[in-house]
PDB file of N, CA and C in Angstrom:
ATOM      1  N   MET A   1      95.871  91.363 127.614  1.00  0.00           N
ATOM      2  CA  MET A   1      96.647  91.557 126.405  1.00  0.00           C
ATOM      3  C   MET A   1      95.716  92.009 125.292  1.00  0.00           C
ATOM      4  N   LYS A   2      96.240  92.816 124.424  1.00  0.00           N
ATOM      5  CA  LYS A   2      95.515  93.341 123.275  1.00  0.00           C
ATOM      6  C   LYS A   2      95.038  92.199 122.371  1.00  0.00           C
ATOM      7  N   ASP A   3      93.848  92.342 121.808  1.00  0.00           N
ATOM      8  CA  ASP A   3      93.330  91.356 120.860  1.00  0.00           C
ATOM      9  C   ASP A   3      93.775  91.760 119.458  1.00  0.00           C
ATOM     10  N   TYR A   4      94.541  90.915 118.804  1.00  0.00           N
ATOM     11  CA  TYR A   4      95.062  91.211 117.475  1.00  0.00           C
ATOM     12  C   TYR A   4      94.175  90.666 116.362  1.00  0.00           C
ATOM     13  N   SER A   5      93.061  90.055 116.699  1.00  0.00           N
ATOM     14  CA  SER A   5      92.147  89.521 115.702  1.00  0.00           C
ATOM     15  C   SER A   5      91.579  90.654 114.854  1.00  0.00           C
ATOM     16  N   VAL A   6      91.241  90.347 113.597  1.00  0.00           N
ATOM     17  CA  VAL A   6      90.624  91.333 112.717  1.00  0.00           C
ATOM     18  C   VAL A   6      89.372  90.741 112.088  1.00  0.00           C
ATOM     19  N   LYS A   7      88.452  91.635 111.721  1.00  0.00           N
ATOM     20  CA  LYS A   7      87.206  91.208 111.106  1.00  0.00           C
ATOM     21  C   LYS A   7      86.860  92.175 109.991  1.00  0.00           C
ATOM     22  N   SER A   8      86.331  91.629 108.903  1.00  0.00           N
ATOM     23  CA  SER A   8      85.856  92.436 107.789  1.00  0.00           C
ATOM     24  C   SER A   8      84.572  91.787 107.284  1.00  0.00           C
ATOM     25  N   GLY A   9      83.439  92.378 107.599  1.00  0.00           N
ATOM     26  CA  GLY A   9      82.160  91.757 107.247  1.00  0.00           C
ATOM     27  C   GLY A   9      82.025  90.430 107.958  1.00  0.00           C
ATOM     28  N   ASP A  10      81.756  89.367 107.189  1.00  0.00           N
ATOM     29  CA  ASP A  10      81.641  88.017 107.759  1.00  0.00           C
ATOM     30  C   ASP A  10      82.976  87.288 107.795  1.00  0.00           C
ATOM     31  N   SER A  11      84.044  87.929 107.350  1.00  0.00           N
ATOM     32  CA  SER A  11      85.363  87.299 107.284  1.00  0.00           C
ATOM     33  C   SER A  11      86.197  87.726 108.482  1.00  0.00           C
ATOM     34  N   TYR A  12      87.110  86.861 108.906  1.00  0.00           N
ATOM     35  CA  TYR A  12      87.894  87.189 110.097  1.00  0.00           C
ATOM     36  C   TYR A  12      89.181  86.381 110.180  1.00  0.00           C
ATOM     37  N   VAL A  13      90.107  86.885 111.000  1.00  0.00           N
ATOM     38  CA  VAL A  13      91.309  86.166 111.407  1.00  0.00           C
ATOM     39  C   VAL A  13      91.329  86.234 112.926  1.00  0.00           C
ATOM     40  N   LEU A  14      91.258  85.085 113.577  1.00  0.00           N
ATOM     41  CA  LEU A  14      91.306  85.022 115.037  1.00  0.00           C
ATOM     42  C   LEU A  14      92.721  84.699 115.473  1.00  0.00           C
ATOM     43  N   VAL A  15      93.188  85.395 116.508  1.00  0.00           N
ATOM     44  CA  VAL A  15      94.568  85.255 116.971  1.00  0.00           C
ATOM     45  C   VAL A  15      94.571  84.905 118.452  1.00  0.00           C
ATOM     46  N   SER A  16      95.445  83.976 118.825  1.00  0.00           N
ATOM     47  CA  SER A  16      95.633  83.680 120.244  1.00  0.00           C
ATOM     48  C   SER A  16      97.110  83.844 120.586  1.00  0.00           C
ATOM     49  N   TYR A  17      97.372  84.056 121.867  1.00  0.00           N
ATOM     50  CA  TYR A  17      98.738  84.198 122.369  1.00  0.00           C
ATOM     51  C   TYR A  17      99.000  83.046 123.312  1.00  0.00           C
ATOM     52  N   ASN A  18     100.178  82.459 123.200  1.00  0.00           N
ATOM     53  CA  ASN A  18     100.520  81.330 124.058  1.00  0.00           C
ATOM     54  C   ASN A  18     101.898  81.563 124.660  1.00  0.00           C
ATOM     55  N   ASP A  19     101.976  81.439 125.971  1.00  0.00           N
ATOM     56  CA  ASP A  19     103.286  81.512 126.638  1.00  0.00           C
ATOM     57  C   ASP A  19     103.450  80.361 127.612  1.00  0.00           C
ATOM     58  N   THR A  20     102.683  79.292 127.413  1.00  0.00           N
ATOM     59  CA  THR A  20     102.739  78.178 128.353  1.00  0.00           C
ATOM     60  C   THR A  20     103.431  76.940 127.790  1.00  0.00           C
ATOM     61  N   ASP A  21     103.713  76.899 126.490  1.00  0.00           N
ATOM     62  CA  ASP A  21     104.437  75.759 125.941  1.00  0.00           C
ATOM     63  C   ASP A  21     105.897  75.864 126.349  1.00  0.00           C
ATOM     64  N   PHE A  22     106.465  74.758 126.757  1.00  0.00           N
ATOM     65  CA  PHE A  22     107.866  74.802 127.153  1.00  0.00           C
ATOM     66  C   PHE A  22     108.587  73.528 126.738  1.00  0.00           C
ATOM     67  N   HIS A  23     109.884  73.632 126.704  1.00  0.00           N
ATOM     68  CA  HIS A  23     110.748  72.473 126.511  1.00  0.00           C
ATOM     69  C   HIS A  23     111.928  72.636 127.452  1.00  0.00           C
ATOM     70  N   GLU A  24     112.665  71.568 127.634  1.00  0.00           N
ATOM     71  CA  GLU A  24     113.799  71.627 128.548  1.00  0.00           C
ATOM     72  C   GLU A  24     115.107  71.682 127.764  1.00  0.00           C
ATOM     73  N   VAL A  25     116.016  72.490 128.275  1.00  0.00           N
ATOM     74  CA  VAL A  25     117.356  72.580 127.696  1.00  0.00           C
ATOM     75  C   VAL A  25     118.358  72.440 128.825  1.00  0.00           C
ATOM     76  N   GLN A  26     119.505  71.909 128.469  1.00  0.00           N
ATOM     77  CA  GLN A  26     120.546  71.719 129.474  1.00  0.00           C
ATOM     78  C   GLN A  26     121.450  72.938 129.501  1.00  0.00           C
ATOM     79  N   ASN A  27     121.660  73.483 130.691  1.00  0.00           N
ATOM     80  CA  ASN A  27     122.533  74.635 130.877  1.00  0.00           C
ATOM     81  C   ASN A  27     123.966  74.189 130.646  1.00  0.00           C
ATOM     82  N   ASP A  28     124.671  74.869 129.730  1.00  0.00           N
ATOM     83  CA  ASP A  28     126.048  74.487 129.383  1.00  0.00           C
ATOM     84  C   ASP A  28     127.013  74.621 130.560  1.00  0.00           C
ATOM     85  N   GLU A  29     126.767  75.594 131.435  1.00  0.00           N
ATOM     86  CA  GLU A  29     127.690  75.831 132.540  1.00  0.00           C
ATOM     87  C   GLU A  29     127.441  74.909 133.724  1.00  0.00           C
ATOM     88  N   THR A  30     126.162  74.702 134.080  1.00  0.00           N
ATOM     89  CA  THR A  30     125.853  73.926 135.280  1.00  0.00           C
ATOM     90  C   THR A  30     125.482  72.474 134.987  1.00  0.00           C
ATOM     91  N   GLY A  31     125.088  72.194 133.738  1.00  0.00           N
ATOM     92  CA  GLY A  31     124.636  70.852 133.404  1.00  0.00           C
ATOM     93  C   GLY A  31     123.205  70.579 133.842  1.00  0.00           C
ATOM     94  N   GLU A  32     122.592  71.537 134.524  1.00  0.00           N
ATOM     95  CA  GLU A  32     121.209  71.388 135.001  1.00  0.00           C
ATOM     96  C   GLU A  32     120.234  71.556 133.839  1.00  0.00           C
ATOM     97  N   TRP A  33     119.099  70.874 133.955  1.00  0.00           N
ATOM     98  CA  TRP A  33     118.040  71.025 132.960  1.00  0.00           C
ATOM     99  C   TRP A  33     117.126  72.172 133.381  1.00  0.00           C
ATOM    100  N   GLU A  34     116.780  73.022 132.429  1.00  0.00           N
ATOM    101  CA  GLU A  34     115.941  74.183 132.712  1.00  0.00           C
ATOM    102  C   GLU A  34     114.761  74.203 131.752  1.00  0.00           C
ATOM    103  N   GLU A  35     113.620  74.677 132.250  1.00  0.00           N
ATOM    104  CA  GLU A  35     112.457  74.837 131.387  1.00  0.00           C
ATOM    105  C   GLU A  35     112.571  76.159 130.646  1.00  0.00           C
ATOM    106  N   VAL A  36     112.369  76.111 129.339  1.00  0.00           N
ATOM    107  CA  VAL A  36     112.373  77.311 128.507  1.00  0.00           C
ATOM    108  C   VAL A  36     110.975  77.439 127.916  1.00  0.00           C
ATOM    109  N   TYR A  37     110.340  78.559 128.178  1.00  0.00           N
ATOM    110  CA  TYR A  37     108.980  78.777 127.703  1.00  0.00           C
ATOM    111  C   TYR A  37     108.989  79.438 126.330  1.00  0.00           C
ATOM    112  N   ASP A  38     108.168  78.918 125.454  1.00  0.00           N
ATOM    113  CA  ASP A  38     108.043  79.452 124.101  1.00  0.00           C
ATOM    114  C   ASP A  38     106.838  80.378 124.040  1.00  0.00           C
ATOM    115  N   GLU A  39     107.087  81.623 123.662  1.00  0.00           N
ATOM    116  CA  GLU A  39     106.006  82.568 123.442  1.00  0.00           C
ATOM    117  C   GLU A  39     105.707  82.588 121.950  1.00  0.00           C
ATOM    118  N   TYR A  40     104.452  82.618 121.612  1.00  0.00           N
ATOM    119  CA  TYR A  40     104.107  82.788 120.204  1.00  0.00           C
ATOM    120  C   TYR A  40     102.654  83.209 120.056  1.00  0.00           C
ATOM    121  N   PHE A  41     102.384  83.822 118.934  1.00  0.00           N
ATOM    122  CA  PHE A  41     101.021  84.137 118.546  1.00  0.00           C
ATOM    123  C   PHE A  41     100.624  83.112 117.497  1.00  0.00           C
ATOM    124  N   LYS A  42      99.371  82.710 117.521  1.00  0.00           N
ATOM    125  CA  LYS A  42      98.887  81.745 116.546  1.00  0.00           C
ATOM    126  C   LYS A  42      97.651  82.300 115.859  1.00  0.00           C
ATOM    127  N   LEU A  43      97.659  82.277 114.535  1.00  0.00           N
ATOM    128  CA  LEU A  43      96.465  82.599 113.785  1.00  0.00           C
ATOM    129  C   LEU A  43      95.607  81.344 113.833  1.00  0.00           C
ATOM    130  N   ASP A  44      94.617  81.359 114.727  1.00  0.00           N
ATOM    131  CA  ASP A  44      93.803  80.168 114.985  1.00  0.00           C
ATOM    132  C   ASP A  44      92.832  79.861 113.860  1.00  0.00           C
ATOM    133  N   HIS A  45      92.179  80.869 113.356  1.00  0.00           N
ATOM    134  CA  HIS A  45      91.194  80.672 112.291  1.00  0.00           C
ATOM    135  C   HIS A  45      91.303  81.815 111.293  1.00  0.00           C
ATOM    136  N   VAL A  46      91.390  81.445 110.038  1.00  0.00           N
ATOM    137  CA  VAL A  46      91.321  82.424 108.954  1.00  0.00           C
ATOM    138  C   VAL A  46      90.104  82.025 108.136  1.00  0.00           C
ATOM    139  N   PHE A  47      89.099  82.889 108.101  1.00  0.00           N
ATOM    140  CA  PHE A  47      87.869  82.574 107.377  1.00  0.00           C
ATOM    141  C   PHE A  47      87.488  83.751 106.491  1.00  0.00           C
ATOM    142  N   VAL A  48      87.229  83.450 105.230  1.00  0.00           N
ATOM    143  CA  VAL A  48      86.739  84.456 104.288  1.00  0.00           C
ATOM    144  C   VAL A  48      85.426  83.931 103.730  1.00  0.00           C
ATOM    145  N   SER A  49      84.389  84.747 103.815  1.00  0.00           N
ATOM    146  CA  SER A  49      83.078  84.338 103.315  1.00  0.00           C
ATOM    147  C   SER A  49      83.153  84.028 101.821  1.00  0.00           C
ATOM    148  N   LYS A  50      82.300  83.144 101.348  1.00  0.00           N
ATOM    149  CA  LYS A  50      82.341  82.720  99.947  1.00  0.00           C
ATOM    150  C   LYS A  50      82.272  83.894  98.987  1.00  0.00           C
ATOM    151  N   GLU A  51      81.410  84.846  99.276  1.00  0.00           N
ATOM    152  CA  GLU A  51      81.258  85.981  98.358  1.00  0.00           C
ATOM    153  C   GLU A  51      82.469  86.907  98.348  1.00  0.00           C
ATOM    154  N   ALA A  52      83.325  86.855  99.353  1.00  0.00           N
ATOM    155  CA  ALA A  52      84.502  87.726  99.421  1.00  0.00           C
ATOM    156  C   ALA A  52      85.780  87.038  98.952  1.00  0.00           C
ATOM    157  N   ARG A  53      85.709  85.759  98.628  1.00  0.00           N
ATOM    158  CA  ARG A  53      86.913  85.010  98.241  1.00  0.00           C
ATOM    159  C   ARG A  53      87.440  85.441  96.875  1.00  0.00           C
ATOM    160  N   GLY A  54      88.754  85.306  96.714  1.00  0.00           N
ATOM    161  CA  GLY A  54      89.397  85.616  95.449  1.00  0.00           C
ATOM    162  C   GLY A  54      89.647  87.098  95.228  1.00  0.00           C
ATOM    163  N   LYS A  55      89.465  87.906  96.264  1.00  0.00           N
ATOM    164  CA  LYS A  55      89.633  89.357  96.133  1.00  0.00           C
ATOM    165  C   LYS A  55      90.794  89.888  96.968  1.00  0.00           C
ATOM    166  N   GLY A  56      91.578  88.984  97.553  1.00  0.00           N
ATOM    167  CA  GLY A  56      92.740  89.412  98.334  1.00  0.00           C
ATOM    168  C   GLY A  56      92.444  89.764  99.780  1.00  0.00           C
ATOM    169  N   LEU A  57      91.220  89.498 100.235  1.00  0.00           N
ATOM    170  CA  LEU A  57      90.849  89.869 101.601  1.00  0.00           C
ATOM    171  C   LEU A  57      91.637  89.088 102.647  1.00  0.00           C
ATOM    172  N   ALA A  58      91.808  87.787 102.453  1.00  0.00           N
ATOM    173  CA  ALA A  58      92.552  86.980 103.430  1.00  0.00           C
ATOM    174  C   ALA A  58      93.973  87.514 103.569  1.00  0.00           C
ATOM    175  N   LYS A  59      94.622  87.763 102.448  1.00  0.00           N
ATOM    176  CA  LYS A  59      95.993  88.282 102.478  1.00  0.00           C
ATOM    177  C   LYS A  59      96.043  89.627 103.190  1.00  0.00           C
ATOM    178  N   GLN A  60      95.090  90.483 102.908  1.00  0.00           N
ATOM    179  CA  GLN A  60      95.038  91.805 103.539  1.00  0.00           C
ATOM    180  C   GLN A  60      94.870  91.681 105.055  1.00  0.00           C
ATOM    181  N   MET A  61      93.951  90.812 105.500  1.00  0.00           N
ATOM    182  CA  MET A  61      93.712  90.660 106.934  1.00  0.00           C
ATOM    183  C   MET A  61      94.910  90.028 107.630  1.00  0.00           C
ATOM    184  N   ILE A  62      95.512  89.012 107.004  1.00  0.00           N
ATOM    185  CA  ILE A  62      96.677  88.355 107.601  1.00  0.00           C
ATOM    186  C   ILE A  62      97.830  89.352 107.741  1.00  0.00           C
ATOM    187  N   ARG A  63      98.079  90.118 106.696  1.00  0.00           N
ATOM    188  CA  ARG A  63      99.157  91.105 106.765  1.00  0.00           C
ATOM    189  C   ARG A  63      98.879  92.157 107.839  1.00  0.00           C
ATOM    190  N   GLU A  64      97.621  92.561 107.982  1.00  0.00           N
ATOM    191  CA  GLU A  64      97.254  93.531 109.025  1.00  0.00           C
ATOM    192  C   GLU A  64      97.542  92.964 110.410  1.00  0.00           C
ATOM    193  N   VAL A  65      97.170  91.709 110.619  1.00  0.00           N
ATOM    194  CA  VAL A  65      97.419  91.046 111.905  1.00  0.00           C
ATOM    195  C   VAL A  65      98.916  90.966 112.171  1.00  0.00           C
ATOM    196  N   VAL A  66      99.680  90.502 111.203  1.00  0.00           N
ATOM    197  CA  VAL A  66     101.127  90.332 111.379  1.00  0.00           C
ATOM    198  C   VAL A  66     101.797  91.676 111.655  1.00  0.00           C
ATOM    199  N   GLU A  67     101.436  92.705 110.898  1.00  0.00           N
ATOM    200  CA  GLU A  67     102.025  94.028 111.119  1.00  0.00           C
ATOM    201  C   GLU A  67     101.721  94.552 112.515  1.00  0.00           C
ATOM    202  N   SER A  68     100.496  94.330 112.973  1.00  0.00           N
ATOM    203  CA  SER A  68     100.094  94.798 114.299  1.00  0.00           C
ATOM    204  C   SER A  68     100.864  94.070 115.399  1.00  0.00           C
ATOM    205  N   ILE A  69     100.998  92.754 115.260  1.00  0.00           N
ATOM    206  CA  ILE A  69     101.756  91.978 116.253  1.00  0.00           C
ATOM    207  C   ILE A  69     103.227  92.395 116.226  1.00  0.00           C
ATOM    208  N   ARG A  70     103.803  92.500 115.034  1.00  0.00           N
ATOM    209  CA  ARG A  70     105.216  92.865 114.898  1.00  0.00           C
ATOM    210  C   ARG A  70     105.510  94.246 115.493  1.00  0.00           C
ATOM    211  N   ALA A  71     104.550  95.159 115.411  1.00  0.00           N
ATOM    212  CA  ALA A  71     104.754  96.492 115.979  1.00  0.00           C
ATOM    213  C   ALA A  71     104.938  96.424 117.492  1.00  0.00           C
ATOM    214  N   ASP A  72     104.231  95.510 118.154  1.00  0.00           N
ATOM    215  CA  ASP A  72     104.305  95.382 119.606  1.00  0.00           C
ATOM    216  C   ASP A  72     105.277  94.301 120.072  1.00  0.00           C
ATOM    217  N   PHE A  73     105.455  93.253 119.276  1.00  0.00           N
ATOM    218  CA  PHE A  73     106.294  92.103 119.648  1.00  0.00           C
ATOM    219  C   PHE A  73     107.173  91.717 118.457  1.00  0.00           C
ATOM    220  N   PRO A  74     108.195  92.503 118.153  1.00  0.00           N
ATOM    221  CA  PRO A  74     108.974  92.278 116.933  1.00  0.00           C
ATOM    222  C   PRO A  74     109.694  90.932 116.853  1.00  0.00           C
ATOM    223  N   ASP A  75     110.008  90.325 117.990  1.00  0.00           N
ATOM    224  CA  ASP A  75     110.784  89.084 117.970  1.00  0.00           C
ATOM    225  C   ASP A  75     109.984  87.841 118.326  1.00  0.00           C
ATOM    226  N   THR A  76     108.689  87.987 118.536  1.00  0.00           N
ATOM    227  CA  THR A  76     107.873  86.842 118.940  1.00  0.00           C
ATOM    228  C   THR A  76     107.367  86.100 117.710  1.00  0.00           C
ATOM    229  N   ARG A  77     107.450  84.788 117.771  1.00  0.00           N
ATOM    230  CA  ARG A  77     107.064  83.923 116.653  1.00  0.00           C
ATOM    231  C   ARG A  77     105.560  84.013 116.395  1.00  0.00           C
ATOM    232  N   ILE A  78     105.175  83.935 115.136  1.00  0.00           N
ATOM    233  CA  ILE A  78     103.767  83.893 114.732  1.00  0.00           C
ATOM    234  C   ILE A  78     103.580  82.610 113.928  1.00  0.00           C
ATOM    235  N   THR A  79     102.595  81.804 114.300  1.00  0.00           N
ATOM    236  CA  THR A  79     102.371  80.527 113.626  1.00  0.00           C
ATOM    237  C   THR A  79     100.943  80.432 113.103  1.00  0.00           C
ATOM    238  N   LEU A  80     100.725  79.436 112.266  1.00  0.00           N
ATOM    239  CA  LEU A  80      99.391  79.065 111.809  1.00  0.00           C
ATOM    240  C   LEU A  80      99.496  77.685 111.200  1.00  0.00           C
ATOM    241  N   ALA A  81      98.363  77.096 110.888  1.00  0.00           N
ATOM    242  CA  ALA A  81      98.358  75.777 110.260  1.00  0.00           C
ATOM    243  C   ALA A  81      97.297  75.753 109.173  1.00  0.00           C
ATOM    244  N   ALA A  82      97.623  75.126 108.055  1.00  0.00           N
ATOM    245  CA  ALA A  82      96.677  74.980 106.950  1.00  0.00           C
ATOM    246  C   ALA A  82      95.966  73.642 107.110  1.00  0.00           C
ATOM    247  N   LEU A  83      95.060  73.592 108.068  1.00  0.00           N
ATOM    248  CA  LEU A  83      94.351  72.354 108.385  1.00  0.00           C
ATOM    249  C   LEU A  83      92.846  72.561 108.257  1.00  0.00           C
ATOM    250  N   PRO A  84      92.126  71.499 107.881  1.00  0.00           N
ATOM    251  CA  PRO A  84      90.666  71.624 107.790  1.00  0.00           C
ATOM    252  C   PRO A  84      90.030  71.706 109.166  1.00  0.00           C
ATOM    253  N   GLU A  85      88.885  72.341 109.225  1.00  0.00           N
ATOM    254  CA  GLU A  85      88.112  72.390 110.454  1.00  0.00           C
ATOM    255  C   GLU A  85      87.039  71.326 110.359  1.00  0.00           C
ATOM    256  N   ASP A  86      87.005  70.446 111.337  1.00  0.00           N
ATOM    257  CA  ASP A  86      86.075  69.318 111.330  1.00  0.00           C
ATOM    258  C   ASP A  86      86.314  68.497 110.062  1.00  0.00           C
ATOM    259  N   ASP A  87      85.258  68.186 109.333  1.00  0.00           N
ATOM    260  CA  ASP A  87      85.381  67.388 108.106  1.00  0.00           C
ATOM    261  C   ASP A  87      85.223  68.227 106.853  1.00  0.00           C
ATOM    262  N   LYS A  88      85.347  69.538 106.977  1.00  0.00           N
ATOM    263  CA  LYS A  88      85.165  70.424 105.835  1.00  0.00           C
ATOM    264  C   LYS A  88      86.372  70.325 104.901  1.00  0.00           C
ATOM    265  N   PRO A  89      86.132  70.158 103.603  1.00  0.00           N
ATOM    266  CA  PRO A  89      87.261  70.092 102.665  1.00  0.00           C
ATOM    267  C   PRO A  89      87.908  71.471 102.496  1.00  0.00           C
ATOM    268  N   ILE A  90      89.226  71.465 102.291  1.00  0.00           N
ATOM    269  CA  ILE A  90      89.941  72.718 102.045  1.00  0.00           C
ATOM    270  C   ILE A  90      90.918  72.514 100.901  1.00  0.00           C
ATOM    271  N   ASP A  91      91.325  73.594 100.295  1.00  0.00           N
ATOM    272  CA  ASP A  91      92.374  73.587  99.283  1.00  0.00           C
ATOM    273  C   ASP A  91      93.680  73.843 100.023  1.00  0.00           C
ATOM    274  N   GLN A  92      94.263  72.781 100.568  1.00  0.00           N
ATOM    275  CA  GLN A  92      95.450  72.936 101.403  1.00  0.00           C
ATOM    276  C   GLN A  92      96.612  73.534 100.626  1.00  0.00           C
ATOM    277  N   ALA A  93      96.807  73.123  99.389  1.00  0.00           N
ATOM    278  CA  ALA A  93      97.904  73.677  98.588  1.00  0.00           C
ATOM    279  C   ALA A  93      97.684  75.177  98.375  1.00  0.00           C
ATOM    280  N   GLY A  94      96.451  75.567  98.135  1.00  0.00           N
ATOM    281  CA  GLY A  94      96.136  76.985  97.965  1.00  0.00           C
ATOM    282  C   GLY A  94      96.392  77.776  99.232  1.00  0.00           C
ATOM    283  N   LEU A  95      96.041  77.177 100.377  1.00  0.00           N
ATOM    284  CA  LEU A  95      96.281  77.850 101.650  1.00  0.00           C
ATOM    285  C   LEU A  95      97.772  78.006 101.920  1.00  0.00           C
ATOM    286  N   VAL A  96      98.524  76.969 101.634  1.00  0.00           N
ATOM    287  CA  VAL A  96      99.973  77.040 101.839  1.00  0.00           C
ATOM    288  C   VAL A  96     100.554  78.158 100.982  1.00  0.00           C
ATOM    289  N   GLU A  97     100.115  78.263  99.737  1.00  0.00           N
ATOM    290  CA  GLU A  97     100.605  79.323  98.851  1.00  0.00           C
ATOM    291  C   GLU A  97     100.216  80.697  99.389  1.00  0.00           C
ATOM    292  N   LEU A  98      98.982  80.835  99.883  1.00  0.00           N
ATOM    293  CA  LEU A  98      98.533  82.103 100.473  1.00  0.00           C
ATOM    294  C   LEU A  98      99.421  82.478 101.654  1.00  0.00           C
ATOM    295  N   TYR A  99      99.642  81.531 102.556  1.00  0.00           N
ATOM    296  CA  TYR A  99     100.429  81.826 103.747  1.00  0.00           C
ATOM    297  C   TYR A  99     101.878  82.137 103.390  1.00  0.00           C
ATOM    298  N   ARG A 100     102.428  81.449 102.398  1.00  0.00           N
ATOM    299  CA  ARG A 100     103.788  81.769 101.941  1.00  0.00           C
ATOM    300  C   ARG A 100     103.843  83.191 101.397  1.00  0.00           C
ATOM    301  N   SER A 101     102.806  83.597 100.648  1.00  0.00           N
ATOM    302  CA  SER A 101     102.791  84.953 100.083  1.00  0.00           C
ATOM    303  C   SER A 101     102.692  86.023 101.166  1.00  0.00           C
ATOM    304  N   CYS A 102     102.289  85.596 102.366  1.00  0.00           N
ATOM    305  CA  CYS A 102     102.220  86.527 103.513  1.00  0.00           C
ATOM    306  C   CYS A 102     103.478  86.457 104.364  1.00  0.00           C
ATOM    307  N   GLY A 103     104.478  85.689 103.913  1.00  0.00           N
ATOM    308  CA  GLY A 103     105.754  85.651 104.615  1.00  0.00           C
ATOM    309  C   GLY A 103     105.964  84.468 105.543  1.00  0.00           C
ATOM    310  N   PHE A 104     105.011  83.539 105.590  1.00  0.00           N
ATOM    311  CA  PHE A 104     105.164  82.365 106.457  1.00  0.00           C
ATOM    312  C   PHE A 104     105.981  81.289 105.761  1.00  0.00           C
ATOM    313  N   GLU A 105     106.636  80.447 106.547  1.00  0.00           N
ATOM    314  CA  GLU A 105     107.422  79.338 106.037  1.00  0.00           C
ATOM    315  C   GLU A 105     106.730  78.029 106.379  1.00  0.00           C
ATOM    316  N   VAL A 106     106.850  77.051 105.497  1.00  0.00           N
ATOM    317  CA  VAL A 106     106.280  75.724 105.748  1.00  0.00           C
ATOM    318  C   VAL A 106     107.243  74.948 106.615  1.00  0.00           C
ATOM    319  N   ARG A 107     106.709  74.313 107.662  1.00  0.00           N
ATOM    320  CA  ARG A 107     107.541  73.476 108.542  1.00  0.00           C
ATOM    321  C   ARG A 107     106.874  72.139 108.725  1.00  0.00           C
TER     322      ARG A 107
END
């Protein structure tokens, strides 16, 4: 599968594809339980170097990734999480606002 990750200098957005998560649903006609597999792309890491922050680079890279995925997979879900890596502090509210400005919804 094509790699949708992008890089600009020391900054990057890493993307993974997952088609192995599943849940079970009951078939309305037969009553049988069936496994339904969820396909999605996940923005695993969004990193912008300190010197490049505040210039719109993260938004630009995220939008590039989303547009590229949407061109090939228009109906496949794209996810991400505003979580710290290891014990590094983050501005979670700022990240949520950034991701919302790129079209993501908080869940």
